Protein backbone atom coordinates (compact mmCIF):
# COMPACT_ATOMS: atom_id res chain seq x y z
CA UNK A 1 0.00 0.00 0.00
CA UNK A 2 1.34 3.43 -0.96
CA UNK A 3 -0.47 5.91 1.30
CA UNK A 4 -0.63 9.52 0.17
CA UNK A 5 -2.14 12.66 1.67
CA UNK A 6 -4.26 14.94 -0.53
CA UNK A 7 -4.97 18.40 0.85
CA UNK A 8 -7.36 20.91 -0.70
CA UNK A 9 -7.98 24.51 0.36
CA UNK A 10 -10.00 27.26 -1.28
CA UNK A 11 -13.25 29.17 -1.56
CA UNK A 12 -16.17 26.75 -1.23
CA UNK A 13 -18.29 25.93 -4.25
CA UNK A 14 -20.36 23.04 -5.56
CA UNK A 15 -18.48 20.09 -7.06
CA UNK A 16 -15.05 20.18 -5.42
CA UNK A 17 -15.32 16.81 -3.69
CA UNK A 18 -17.13 15.24 -6.65
CA UNK A 19 -14.51 16.32 -9.18
CA UNK A 20 -11.57 15.22 -7.05
CA UNK A 21 -13.15 11.86 -6.14
CA UNK A 22 -14.01 11.23 -9.80
CA UNK A 23 -10.39 11.89 -10.75
CA UNK A 24 -9.16 9.49 -8.08
CA UNK A 25 -11.59 6.78 -9.21
CA UNK A 26 -10.52 7.19 -12.86
CA UNK A 27 -6.90 6.70 -11.78
CA UNK A 28 -7.76 3.63 -9.65
CA UNK A 29 -6.77 5.43 -6.44
CA UNK A 30 -8.60 4.16 -3.37
CA UNK A 31 -9.82 6.63 -0.73
CA UNK A 32 -8.95 5.33 2.75
CA UNK A 33 -10.13 8.27 4.87
CA UNK A 34 -11.54 11.72 4.23
CA UNK A 35 -12.23 14.78 6.34
CA UNK A 36 -13.58 18.12 5.15
CA UNK A 37 -14.79 21.28 6.74
CA UNK A 38 -16.14 24.61 5.60
CA UNK A 39 -15.27 27.61 7.73
CA UNK A 40 -16.73 31.01 6.83
CA UNK A 41 -17.06 30.02 3.18
CA UNK A 42 -13.62 28.41 2.86
CA UNK A 43 -13.32 24.73 1.99
CA UNK A 44 -10.65 22.57 3.63
CA UNK A 45 -10.20 18.85 2.97
CA UNK A 46 -7.65 16.24 3.91
CA UNK A 47 -7.89 12.86 2.23
CA UNK A 48 -5.76 9.76 2.73
CA UNK A 49 -5.57 7.47 -0.27
CA UNK A 50 -3.72 4.47 -1.68
CA UNK A 51 -1.99 5.28 -4.99
CA UNK A 52 -0.43 1.84 -5.41
CA UNK A 53 -2.87 0.57 -8.07
CA UNK A 54 -2.70 3.59 -10.37
CA UNK A 55 -1.06 3.06 -13.75
CA UNK A 56 0.34 6.60 -13.63
CA UNK A 57 3.54 7.62 -11.88
CA UNK A 58 3.20 9.59 -8.66
CA UNK A 59 4.42 12.77 -10.38
CA UNK A 60 1.76 12.37 -13.09
CA UNK A 61 -0.90 11.93 -10.40
CA UNK A 62 0.39 15.00 -8.53
CA UNK A 63 0.36 17.10 -11.71
CA UNK A 64 -3.17 15.94 -12.54
CA UNK A 65 -4.45 16.82 -9.08
CA UNK A 66 -2.74 20.22 -9.12
CA UNK A 67 -4.20 21.01 -12.56
CA UNK A 68 -7.67 19.88 -11.49
CA UNK A 69 -7.39 22.10 -8.41
CA UNK A 70 -6.57 25.09 -10.63
CA UNK A 71 -9.63 24.34 -12.78
CA UNK A 72 -11.76 24.23 -9.62
CA UNK A 73 -10.23 27.41 -8.21
CA UNK A 74 -8.68 25.68 -5.20
CA UNK A 75 -5.18 24.66 -4.17
CA UNK A 76 -4.87 20.87 -4.33
CA UNK A 77 -1.68 19.00 -3.47
CA UNK A 78 -0.85 15.34 -2.93
CA UNK A 79 2.19 14.09 -1.03
CA UNK A 80 3.44 10.64 -0.19
CA UNK A 81 2.74 9.79 3.45
CA UNK A 82 6.43 9.59 4.39
CA UNK A 83 7.17 13.03 2.92
CA UNK A 84 4.08 14.54 4.56
CA UNK A 85 5.04 13.05 7.94
CA UNK A 86 8.62 14.29 7.66
CA UNK A 87 7.48 17.82 6.79
CA UNK A 88 5.18 17.92 9.82
CA UNK A 89 8.12 17.17 12.13
CA UNK A 90 10.11 20.23 11.01
């Protein structure tokens, strides 16, 4: 299992979760856990997923998610779990 952390932040609007989850499903990426909140009109989501079964490289997945985020008007970024964990320790 290759766990990755997807974080999304931006102005709330209809379709953010749907678009991102559709992308993950198309890439055969399994969602393991998801948490989202909306605070004063701002959307914040953290999603843990397994990228192991995707046919794309991790960098292709990351680029696709970042580009989708731009289309949606949000900042979307995916990081491997080990990188995310290391960055949180700094």
